[in-house]
């Protein structure tokens, strides 16, 4: 399968018989071309995964794609506001139940103004790891993958081996892990969990599909371990503050992404502190543990 170079907001594309996507009009340095809303099913009823922002044009595009089918479930991988707010207007239009990740009320102190938490998310059903929702010719199983957020879920389409990965694994970029809700230890454990699975393909909420998923996850784990090694090397040379670490570690970084890099470095430091390898606090210098 060749991924299109140009993807237009509002368009619907069929990736395989049971899978279509609709692109939301919210491109940014953090969302790439925008949030991809996934439609699962080819019969009388379908599931909608990550309805995206509460954007009228995007909701209209989803409804056009649904057509005469029934929406039997609206699933959310997590509650950043580029993923879950669209669940409410879509439910109002279709009568479908909102389900998936647990609600999360937390002030987002990270830099992602486009992806702050959605405080109004109110699911009709919270799905735990292993829970299943099924419809006409399709079955989706929740796979708990905390790390990017504490409530993050992926959804496995058991009929085809596809996994909808939300923001946990994306081909175009690594995921931002922003404390206090984002947890690097959990994120690494969730990556290992996916590596141990045998999914055929990943469909993320942003960017192209991953047709070699285990290879991608292996590379991501290696990347995070390399970042950790960089941090430990810097701490060996003396106390360091997070912004200075980012300047050294992320040469040539888009200035708009500097804040996100700081959050991920902080997440690494907090994880290292839990393991006795670093000591410090947010906004202050960090040292070897």
C-alpha atoms as a PDB file:
ATOM      1  CA  UNK A   1       0.000   0.000   0.000  1.00  0.00           C
ATOM      2  CA  UNK A   2       1.337   3.443  -0.911  1.00  0.00           C
ATOM      3  CA  UNK A   3       0.447   6.278   1.429  1.00  0.00           C
ATOM      4  CA  UNK A   4      -0.662   9.449  -0.379  1.00  0.00           C
ATOM      5  CA  UNK A   5       1.767  12.361  -0.275  1.00  0.00           C
ATOM      6  CA  UNK A   6      -1.081  14.859  -0.022  1.00  0.00           C
ATOM      7  CA  UNK A   7      -4.057  14.351   2.295  1.00  0.00           C
ATOM      8  CA  UNK A   8      -6.923  16.804   2.287  1.00  0.00           C
ATOM      9  CA  UNK A   9      -9.159  17.635   5.227  1.00  0.00           C
ATOM     10  CA  UNK A  10     -12.671  16.282   4.882  1.00  0.00           C
ATOM     11  CA  UNK A  11     -11.740  13.538   2.441  1.00  0.00           C
ATOM     12  CA  UNK A  12     -12.572   9.907   3.064  1.00  0.00           C
ATOM     13  CA  UNK A  13     -10.121   7.198   2.048  1.00  0.00           C
ATOM     14  CA  UNK A  14     -10.539   3.433   2.252  1.00  0.00           C
ATOM     15  CA  UNK A  15      -7.330   1.738   3.387  1.00  0.00           C
ATOM     16  CA  UNK A  16      -8.718  -1.799   3.405  1.00  0.00           C
ATOM     17  CA  UNK A  17     -12.214  -3.324   3.237  1.00  0.00           C
ATOM     18  CA  UNK A  18     -13.026  -2.665   6.911  1.00  0.00           C
ATOM     19  CA  UNK A  19     -11.041   0.557   7.392  1.00  0.00           C
ATOM     20  CA  UNK A  20     -11.602   4.126   6.205  1.00  0.00           C
ATOM     21  CA  UNK A  21     -10.292   7.435   7.486  1.00  0.00           C
ATOM     22  CA  UNK A  22     -11.455  11.044   7.508  1.00  0.00           C
ATOM     23  CA  UNK A  23      -8.881  13.795   8.052  1.00  0.00           C
ATOM     24  CA  UNK A  24      -9.694  16.687  10.393  1.00  0.00           C
ATOM     25  CA  UNK A  25      -8.727  20.286   9.453  1.00  0.00           C
ATOM     26  CA  UNK A  26      -6.288  20.744  12.368  1.00  0.00           C
ATOM     27  CA  UNK A  27      -2.730  20.482  10.995  1.00  0.00           C
ATOM     28  CA  UNK A  28       0.076  21.679  13.276  1.00  0.00           C
ATOM     29  CA  UNK A  29       3.665  20.848  14.257  1.00  0.00           C
ATOM     30  CA  UNK A  30       2.142  18.433  16.793  1.00  0.00           C
ATOM     31  CA  UNK A  31      -0.658  16.885  14.730  1.00  0.00           C
ATOM     32  CA  UNK A  32       1.132  16.653  11.350  1.00  0.00           C
ATOM     33  CA  UNK A  33      -1.559  16.855   8.645  1.00  0.00           C
ATOM     34  CA  UNK A  34      -4.332  16.653  11.252  1.00  0.00           C
ATOM     35  CA  UNK A  35      -6.229  14.102  13.314  1.00  0.00           C
ATOM     36  CA  UNK A  36      -7.262  10.992  11.416  1.00  0.00           C
ATOM     37  CA  UNK A  37     -10.691   9.711  12.405  1.00  0.00           C
ATOM     38  CA  UNK A  38     -11.015   6.008  11.656  1.00  0.00           C
ATOM     39  CA  UNK A  39     -14.222   4.313  10.496  1.00  0.00           C
ATOM     40  CA  UNK A  40     -14.296   0.556  11.073  1.00  0.00           C
ATOM     41  CA  UNK A  41     -16.820  -1.701   9.352  1.00  0.00           C
ATOM     42  CA  UNK A  42     -18.272  -2.259   5.899  1.00  0.00           C
ATOM     43  CA  UNK A  43     -21.781  -3.423   6.683  1.00  0.00           C
ATOM     44  CA  UNK A  44     -24.806  -2.046   8.429  1.00  0.00           C
ATOM     45  CA  UNK A  45     -22.977  -0.630  11.417  1.00  0.00           C
ATOM     46  CA  UNK A  46     -19.594   0.924  12.002  1.00  0.00           C
ATOM     47  CA  UNK A  47     -17.367   2.152  14.819  1.00  0.00           C
ATOM     48  CA  UNK A  48     -15.746   5.588  14.764  1.00  0.00           C
ATOM     49  CA  UNK A  49     -12.319   5.832  16.418  1.00  0.00           C
ATOM     50  CA  UNK A  50     -10.991   9.213  17.577  1.00  0.00           C
ATOM     51  CA  UNK A  51     -13.707  11.586  16.319  1.00  0.00           C
ATOM     52  CA  UNK A  52     -11.218  14.446  16.671  1.00  0.00           C
ATOM     53  CA  UNK A  53     -11.925  18.086  17.487  1.00  0.00           C
ATOM     54  CA  UNK A  54     -15.453  19.455  17.809  1.00  0.00           C
ATOM     55  CA  UNK A  55     -15.159  21.037  14.388  1.00  0.00           C
ATOM     56  CA  UNK A  56     -18.446  21.326  12.491  1.00  0.00           C
ATOM     57  CA  UNK A  57     -16.882  20.711   9.094  1.00  0.00           C
ATOM     58  CA  UNK A  58     -15.111  17.600  10.388  1.00  0.00           C
ATOM     59  CA  UNK A  59     -18.256  16.189  12.006  1.00  0.00           C
ATOM     60  CA  UNK A  60     -20.117  16.795   8.730  1.00  0.00           C
ATOM     61  CA  UNK A  61     -17.364  14.953   6.847  1.00  0.00           C
ATOM     62  CA  UNK A  62     -17.638  11.973   9.208  1.00  0.00           C
ATOM     63  CA  UNK A  63     -21.418  11.873   8.765  1.00  0.00           C
ATOM     64  CA  UNK A  64     -21.041  11.961   4.971  1.00  0.00           C
ATOM     65  CA  UNK A  65     -18.634   9.054   5.171  1.00  0.00           C
ATOM     66  CA  UNK A  66     -21.005   7.119   7.435  1.00  0.00           C
ATOM     67  CA  UNK A  67     -23.843   7.586   4.981  1.00  0.00           C
ATOM     68  CA  UNK A  68     -26.777   5.256   5.631  1.00  0.00           C
ATOM     69  CA  UNK A  69     -24.863   3.010   8.032  1.00  0.00           C
ATOM     70  CA  UNK A  70     -25.497   3.049  11.759  1.00  0.00           C
ATOM     71  CA  UNK A  71     -22.757   4.299  14.073  1.00  0.00           C
ATOM     72  CA  UNK A  72     -22.819   1.727  16.859  1.00  0.00           C
ATOM     73  CA  UNK A  73     -19.867   3.059  18.880  1.00  0.00           C
ATOM     74  CA  UNK A  74     -17.692   6.170  19.158  1.00  0.00           C
ATOM     75  CA  UNK A  75     -14.289   5.164  20.556  1.00  0.00           C
ATOM     76  CA  UNK A  76     -11.624   7.488  21.976  1.00  0.00           C
ATOM     77  CA  UNK A  77      -7.991   6.485  22.467  1.00  0.00           C
ATOM     78  CA  UNK A  78      -7.345   9.320  24.948  1.00  0.00           C
ATOM     79  CA  UNK A  79      -8.631  12.722  25.979  1.00  0.00           C
ATOM     80  CA  UNK A  80      -6.387  15.259  24.320  1.00  0.00           C
ATOM     81  CA  UNK A  81      -8.660  17.751  22.662  1.00  0.00           C
ATOM     82  CA  UNK A  82      -7.539  16.905  19.150  1.00  0.00           C
ATOM     83  CA  UNK A  83      -9.032  13.426  19.730  1.00  0.00           C
ATOM     84  CA  UNK A  84     -12.148  13.293  21.924  1.00  0.00           C
ATOM     85  CA  UNK A  85     -14.260  16.513  21.808  1.00  0.00           C
ATOM     86  CA  UNK A  86     -15.877  15.503  18.527  1.00  0.00           C
ATOM     87  CA  UNK A  87     -17.447  12.563  20.348  1.00  0.00           C
ATOM     88  CA  UNK A  88     -20.198  14.755  21.771  1.00  0.00           C
ATOM     89  CA  UNK A  89     -21.584  16.364  18.593  1.00  0.00           C
ATOM     90  CA  UNK A  90     -21.175  13.057  16.757  1.00  0.00           C
ATOM     91  CA  UNK A  91     -23.133  11.239  19.488  1.00  0.00           C
ATOM     92  CA  UNK A  92     -25.810  13.919  19.350  1.00  0.00           C
ATOM     93  CA  UNK A  93     -26.186  13.369  15.607  1.00  0.00           C
ATOM     94  CA  UNK A  94     -26.105   9.567  15.628  1.00  0.00           C
ATOM     95  CA  UNK A  95     -27.278   8.429  19.060  1.00  0.00           C
ATOM     96  CA  UNK A  96     -24.171   6.246  19.358  1.00  0.00           C
ATOM     97  CA  UNK A  97     -22.567   5.501  22.704  1.00  0.00           C
ATOM     98  CA  UNK A  98     -19.237   7.137  23.558  1.00  0.00           C
ATOM     99  CA  UNK A  99     -16.749   4.619  24.914  1.00  0.00           C
ATOM    100  CA  UNK A 100     -13.091   3.802  25.209  1.00  0.00           C
ATOM    101  CA  UNK A 101     -10.605   5.528  27.478  1.00  0.00           C
ATOM    102  CA  UNK A 102     -11.456   6.699  30.972  1.00  0.00           C
ATOM    103  CA  UNK A 103     -12.100  10.399  31.593  1.00  0.00           C
ATOM    104  CA  UNK A 104      -9.171  12.403  32.880  1.00  0.00           C
ATOM    105  CA  UNK A 105      -9.328  15.760  34.607  1.00  0.00           C
ATOM    106  CA  UNK A 106      -5.883  17.314  34.777  1.00  0.00           C
ATOM    107  CA  UNK A 107      -4.509  20.783  34.112  1.00  0.00           C
ATOM    108  CA  UNK A 108      -2.170  20.413  31.148  1.00  0.00           C
ATOM    109  CA  UNK A 109       1.045  22.236  32.015  1.00  0.00           C
ATOM    110  CA  UNK A 110       2.754  21.166  28.825  1.00  0.00           C
ATOM    111  CA  UNK A 111       3.288  23.155  25.635  1.00  0.00           C
ATOM    112  CA  UNK A 112       0.662  21.461  23.487  1.00  0.00           C
ATOM    113  CA  UNK A 113      -2.020  24.126  23.253  1.00  0.00           C
ATOM    114  CA  UNK A 114      -3.643  22.100  20.470  1.00  0.00           C
ATOM    115  CA  UNK A 115      -3.772  18.977  22.583  1.00  0.00           C
ATOM    116  CA  UNK A 116      -4.723  20.047  26.087  1.00  0.00           C
ATOM    117  CA  UNK A 117      -6.942  17.643  27.960  1.00  0.00           C
ATOM    118  CA  UNK A 118     -10.653  17.537  27.195  1.00  0.00           C
ATOM    119  CA  UNK A 119     -12.364  18.168  30.575  1.00  0.00           C
ATOM    120  CA  UNK A 120     -15.868  17.534  29.209  1.00  0.00           C
ATOM    121  CA  UNK A 121     -15.260  14.015  27.910  1.00  0.00           C
ATOM    122  CA  UNK A 122     -17.949  11.785  29.444  1.00  0.00           C
ATOM    123  CA  UNK A 123     -17.988   8.203  28.115  1.00  0.00           C
ATOM    124  CA  UNK A 124     -21.050   6.012  28.358  1.00  0.00           C
ATOM    125  CA  UNK A 125     -18.727   3.039  28.815  1.00  0.00           C
ATOM    126  CA  UNK A 126     -15.106   2.958  29.974  1.00  0.00           C
ATOM    127  CA  UNK A 127     -13.200   0.114  28.345  1.00  0.00           C
ATOM    128  CA  UNK A 128     -10.468  -1.690  30.249  1.00  0.00           C
ATOM    129  CA  UNK A 129      -7.640  -3.704  28.774  1.00  0.00           C
ATOM    130  CA  UNK A 130      -9.063  -6.681  26.889  1.00  0.00           C
ATOM    131  CA  UNK A 131     -12.622  -5.361  26.662  1.00  0.00           C
ATOM    132  CA  UNK A 132     -14.319  -5.993  23.330  1.00  0.00           C
ATOM    133  CA  UNK A 133     -16.893  -4.170  21.202  1.00  0.00           C
ATOM    134  CA  UNK A 134     -18.194  -5.837  18.042  1.00  0.00           C
ATOM    135  CA  UNK A 135     -20.462  -5.122  15.100  1.00  0.00           C
ATOM    136  CA  UNK A 136     -21.329  -6.371  11.628  1.00  0.00           C
ATOM    137  CA  UNK A 137     -18.147  -8.170  10.545  1.00  0.00           C
ATOM    138  CA  UNK A 138     -15.772  -6.387  12.931  1.00  0.00           C
ATOM    139  CA  UNK A 139     -14.419  -6.798  16.453  1.00  0.00           C
ATOM    140  CA  UNK A 140     -12.332  -4.226  18.343  1.00  0.00           C
ATOM    141  CA  UNK A 141     -10.364  -5.084  21.481  1.00  0.00           C
ATOM    142  CA  UNK A 142      -9.000  -2.438  23.854  1.00  0.00           C
ATOM    143  CA  UNK A 143      -5.245  -2.600  24.471  1.00  0.00           C
ATOM    144  CA  UNK A 144      -4.090  -0.484  27.420  1.00  0.00           C
ATOM    145  CA  UNK A 145      -1.032   1.596  26.477  1.00  0.00           C
ATOM    146  CA  UNK A 146      -0.429   4.249  29.158  1.00  0.00           C
ATOM    147  CA  UNK A 147       2.517   6.605  28.789  1.00  0.00           C
ATOM    148  CA  UNK A 148       1.633   9.396  26.386  1.00  0.00           C
ATOM    149  CA  UNK A 149      -1.309   9.837  28.743  1.00  0.00           C
ATOM    150  CA  UNK A 150      -2.295   7.668  31.683  1.00  0.00           C
ATOM    151  CA  UNK A 151      -5.624   6.757  30.051  1.00  0.00           C
ATOM    152  CA  UNK A 152      -4.355   5.905  26.555  1.00  0.00           C
ATOM    153  CA  UNK A 153      -5.856   2.903  24.755  1.00  0.00           C
ATOM    154  CA  UNK A 154      -5.139   1.310  21.391  1.00  0.00           C
ATOM    155  CA  UNK A 155      -7.788  -0.724  19.584  1.00  0.00           C
ATOM    156  CA  UNK A 156      -7.053  -4.018  17.805  1.00  0.00           C
ATOM    157  CA  UNK A 157      -9.199  -5.063  14.845  1.00  0.00           C
ATOM    158  CA  UNK A 158      -9.113  -8.807  15.378  1.00  0.00           C
ATOM    159  CA  UNK A 159     -10.409  -9.761  11.917  1.00  0.00           C
ATOM    160  CA  UNK A 160      -7.468  -8.196  10.064  1.00  0.00           C
ATOM    161  CA  UNK A 161      -4.589  -7.717  12.518  1.00  0.00           C
ATOM    162  CA  UNK A 162      -4.753  -3.924  12.324  1.00  0.00           C
ATOM    163  CA  UNK A 163      -4.066  -1.843  15.436  1.00  0.00           C
ATOM    164  CA  UNK A 164      -5.325   1.726  15.843  1.00  0.00           C
ATOM    165  CA  UNK A 165      -2.536   3.302  17.889  1.00  0.00           C
ATOM    166  CA  UNK A 166      -3.785   6.821  18.627  1.00  0.00           C
ATOM    167  CA  UNK A 167      -0.769   8.880  19.680  1.00  0.00           C
ATOM    168  CA  UNK A 168       1.149   6.006  21.268  1.00  0.00           C
ATOM    169  CA  UNK A 169       3.024   4.978  18.118  1.00  0.00           C
ATOM    170  CA  UNK A 170       3.251   7.167  15.016  1.00  0.00           C
ATOM    171  CA  UNK A 171       5.515   6.754  12.017  1.00  0.00           C
ATOM    172  CA  UNK A 172       6.080  10.460  11.349  1.00  0.00           C
ATOM    173  CA  UNK A 173       7.165  11.426  14.892  1.00  0.00           C
ATOM    174  CA  UNK A 174       7.806  10.157  18.384  1.00  0.00           C
ATOM    175  CA  UNK A 175       5.044  10.750  20.906  1.00  0.00           C
ATOM    176  CA  UNK A 176       5.285  13.582  23.434  1.00  0.00           C
ATOM    177  CA  UNK A 177       5.424  12.286  27.000  1.00  0.00           C
ATOM    178  CA  UNK A 178       4.515  15.220  29.236  1.00  0.00           C
ATOM    179  CA  UNK A 179       4.488  14.901  33.043  1.00  0.00           C
ATOM    180  CA  UNK A 180       2.661  14.820  35.344  1.00  0.00           C
ATOM    181  CA  UNK A 181       0.179  12.640  33.465  1.00  0.00           C
ATOM    182  CA  UNK A 182       2.635  11.400  30.858  1.00  0.00           C
ATOM    183  CA  UNK A 183       4.986   8.768  32.282  1.00  0.00           C
ATOM    184  CA  UNK A 184       8.140   7.593  30.514  1.00  0.00           C
ATOM    185  CA  UNK A 185       8.356   4.302  32.419  1.00  0.00           C
ATOM    186  CA  UNK A 186       4.780   3.459  31.459  1.00  0.00           C
ATOM    187  CA  UNK A 187       5.430   4.576  27.892  1.00  0.00           C
ATOM    188  CA  UNK A 188       8.423   2.259  27.516  1.00  0.00           C
ATOM    189  CA  UNK A 189       6.485  -0.650  29.026  1.00  0.00           C
ATOM    190  CA  UNK A 190       3.631   0.003  26.595  1.00  0.00           C
ATOM    191  CA  UNK A 191       6.044   0.026  23.664  1.00  0.00           C
ATOM    192  CA  UNK A 192       7.409  -3.332  24.820  1.00  0.00           C
ATOM    193  CA  UNK A 193       3.886  -4.658  25.066  1.00  0.00           C
ATOM    194  CA  UNK A 194       3.169  -3.740  21.445  1.00  0.00           C
ATOM    195  CA  UNK A 195       6.520  -5.163  20.348  1.00  0.00           C
ATOM    196  CA  UNK A 196       5.511  -8.502  21.835  1.00  0.00           C
ATOM    197  CA  UNK A 197       2.269  -8.549  19.814  1.00  0.00           C
ATOM    198  CA  UNK A 198       1.906  -9.703  16.210  1.00  0.00           C
ATOM    199  CA  UNK A 199      -0.202  -6.910  14.728  1.00  0.00           C
ATOM    200  CA  UNK A 200      -0.017  -6.671  10.942  1.00  0.00           C
ATOM    201  CA  UNK A 201      -0.254  -2.876  10.546  1.00  0.00           C
ATOM    202  CA  UNK A 202      -0.642   0.244  12.704  1.00  0.00           C
ATOM    203  CA  UNK A 203      -3.094   3.033  11.916  1.00  0.00           C
ATOM    204  CA  UNK A 204      -2.143   6.064  14.052  1.00  0.00           C
ATOM    205  CA  UNK A 205      -4.179   9.192  14.689  1.00  0.00           C
ATOM    206  CA  UNK A 206      -1.613  11.295  12.819  1.00  0.00           C
ATOM    207  CA  UNK A 207       0.467  10.481   9.782  1.00  0.00           C
ATOM    208  CA  UNK A 208       1.047   7.383   7.653  1.00  0.00           C
ATOM    209  CA  UNK A 209       0.321   3.788   8.519  1.00  0.00           C
ATOM    210  CA  UNK A 210       3.159   1.606   9.803  1.00  0.00           C
ATOM    211  CA  UNK A 211       3.413  -1.487   7.645  1.00  0.00           C
ATOM    212  CA  UNK A 212       6.377  -2.901   9.597  1.00  0.00           C
ATOM    213  CA  UNK A 213       5.099  -2.240  13.111  1.00  0.00           C
ATOM    214  CA  UNK A 214       7.543  -4.305  15.179  1.00  0.00           C
ATOM    215  CA  UNK A 215      10.492  -2.749  13.354  1.00  0.00           C
ATOM    216  CA  UNK A 216       9.083   0.719  14.071  1.00  0.00           C
ATOM    217  CA  UNK A 217       8.527  -0.033  17.758  1.00  0.00           C
ATOM    218  CA  UNK A 218      12.005  -1.503  18.107  1.00  0.00           C
ATOM    219  CA  UNK A 219      13.442   1.694  16.651  1.00  0.00           C
ATOM    220  CA  UNK A 220      11.365   3.831  19.017  1.00  0.00           C
ATOM    221  CA  UNK A 221      12.570   1.905  22.055  1.00  0.00           C
ATOM    222  CA  UNK A 222      16.135   2.299  20.846  1.00  0.00           C
ATOM    223  CA  UNK A 223      15.599   6.029  20.308  1.00  0.00           C
ATOM    224  CA  UNK A 224      14.312   6.536  23.851  1.00  0.00           C
ATOM    225  CA  UNK A 225      17.196   4.524  25.303  1.00  0.00           C
ATOM    226  CA  UNK A 226      19.625   6.694  23.318  1.00  0.00           C
ATOM    227  CA  UNK A 227      18.000   9.847  24.736  1.00  0.00           C
ATOM    228  CA  UNK A 228      18.324   8.407  28.226  1.00  0.00           C
ATOM    229  CA  UNK A 229      22.009   7.718  27.617  1.00  0.00           C
ATOM    230  CA  UNK A 230      22.487  11.318  26.402  1.00  0.00           C
ATOM    231  CA  UNK A 231      20.915  12.635  29.599  1.00  0.00           C
ATOM    232  CA  UNK A 232      23.072  10.441  31.835  1.00  0.00           C
ATOM    233  CA  UNK A 233      26.192  11.560  29.947  1.00  0.00           C
ATOM    234  CA  UNK A 234      25.271  15.214  30.497  1.00  0.00           C
ATOM    235  CA  UNK A 235      24.638  14.647  34.204  1.00  0.00           C
ATOM    236  CA  UNK A 236      28.067  13.042  34.545  1.00  0.00           C
ATOM    237  CA  UNK A 237      29.523  16.432  33.604  1.00  0.00           C
ATOM    238  CA  UNK A 238      27.638  18.284  36.344  1.00  0.00           C
ATOM    239  CA  UNK A 239      24.176  19.611  37.210  1.00  0.00           C
ATOM    240  CA  UNK A 240      22.040  20.654  34.250  1.00  0.00           C
ATOM    241  CA  UNK A 241      18.689  22.361  33.721  1.00  0.00           C
ATOM    242  CA  UNK A 242      16.212  20.917  31.238  1.00  0.00           C
ATOM    243  CA  UNK A 243      16.256  23.789  28.666  1.00  0.00           C
ATOM    244  CA  UNK A 244      20.050  23.578  28.443  1.00  0.00           C
ATOM    245  CA  UNK A 245      19.833  19.824  27.927  1.00  0.00           C
ATOM    246  CA  UNK A 246      17.375  20.293  25.073  1.00  0.00           C
ATOM    247  CA  UNK A 247      19.689  22.812  23.391  1.00  0.00           C
ATOM    248  CA  UNK A 248      22.467  20.222  23.431  1.00  0.00           C
ATOM    249  CA  UNK A 249      20.407  17.121  22.649  1.00  0.00           C
ATOM    250  CA  UNK A 250      18.102  18.471  19.934  1.00  0.00           C
ATOM    251  CA  UNK A 251      20.308  20.329  17.469  1.00  0.00           C
ATOM    252  CA  UNK A 252      18.328  22.051  14.726  1.00  0.00           C
ATOM    253  CA  UNK A 253      14.976  21.496  16.430  1.00  0.00           C
ATOM    254  CA  UNK A 254      12.038  23.588  15.195  1.00  0.00           C
ATOM    255  CA  UNK A 255      11.703  26.281  17.907  1.00  0.00           C
ATOM    256  CA  UNK A 256       7.970  25.567  18.050  1.00  0.00           C
ATOM    257  CA  UNK A 257       8.786  22.072  19.334  1.00  0.00           C
ATOM    258  CA  UNK A 258      11.278  23.131  22.005  1.00  0.00           C
ATOM    259  CA  UNK A 259       8.658  23.032  24.749  1.00  0.00           C
ATOM    260  CA  UNK A 260       7.578  19.520  23.769  1.00  0.00           C
ATOM    261  CA  UNK A 261      11.200  18.351  23.857  1.00  0.00           C
ATOM    262  CA  UNK A 262      11.563  19.832  27.335  1.00  0.00           C
ATOM    263  CA  UNK A 263       8.559  17.825  28.514  1.00  0.00           C
ATOM    264  CA  UNK A 264       9.992  14.573  27.181  1.00  0.00           C
ATOM    265  CA  UNK A 265      13.411  15.245  28.718  1.00  0.00           C
ATOM    266  CA  UNK A 266      11.684  15.971  32.020  1.00  0.00           C
ATOM    267  CA  UNK A 267       9.785  12.683  31.695  1.00  0.00           C
ATOM    268  CA  UNK A 268      13.090  10.858  31.210  1.00  0.00           C
ATOM    269  CA  UNK A 269      14.570  12.588  34.269  1.00  0.00           C
ATOM    270  CA  UNK A 270      11.602  11.698  36.458  1.00  0.00           C
ATOM    271  CA  UNK A 271      11.891   8.082  35.332  1.00  0.00           C
ATOM    272  CA  UNK A 272      15.637   8.110  36.037  1.00  0.00           C
ATOM    273  CA  UNK A 273      14.951   9.567  39.486  1.00  0.00           C
ATOM    274  CA  UNK A 274      12.536   6.733  40.252  1.00  0.00           C
ATOM    275  CA  UNK A 275      15.341   4.324  39.369  1.00  0.00           C
ATOM    276  CA  UNK A 276      17.881   6.144  41.540  1.00  0.00           C
ATOM    277  CA  UNK A 277      19.936   7.456  38.603  1.00  0.00           C
ATOM    278  CA  UNK A 278      19.087  11.170  38.812  1.00  0.00           C
ATOM    279  CA  UNK A 279      17.891  13.719  41.323  1.00  0.00           C
ATOM    280  CA  UNK A 280      16.251  17.114  40.915  1.00  0.00           C
ATOM    281  CA  UNK A 281      12.900  18.794  40.414  1.00  0.00           C
ATOM    282  CA  UNK A 282      11.007  20.566  37.667  1.00  0.00           C
ATOM    283  CA  UNK A 283      12.344  24.070  37.050  1.00  0.00           C
ATOM    284  CA  UNK A 284      15.580  23.326  38.896  1.00  0.00           C
ATOM    285  CA  UNK A 285      18.902  21.701  38.060  1.00  0.00           C
ATOM    286  CA  UNK A 286      19.217  17.939  37.820  1.00  0.00           C
ATOM    287  CA  UNK A 287      22.192  15.876  38.976  1.00  0.00           C
ATOM    288  CA  UNK A 288      23.351  12.292  39.016  1.00  0.00           C
ATOM    289  CA  UNK A 289      21.489  10.114  41.489  1.00  0.00           C
END
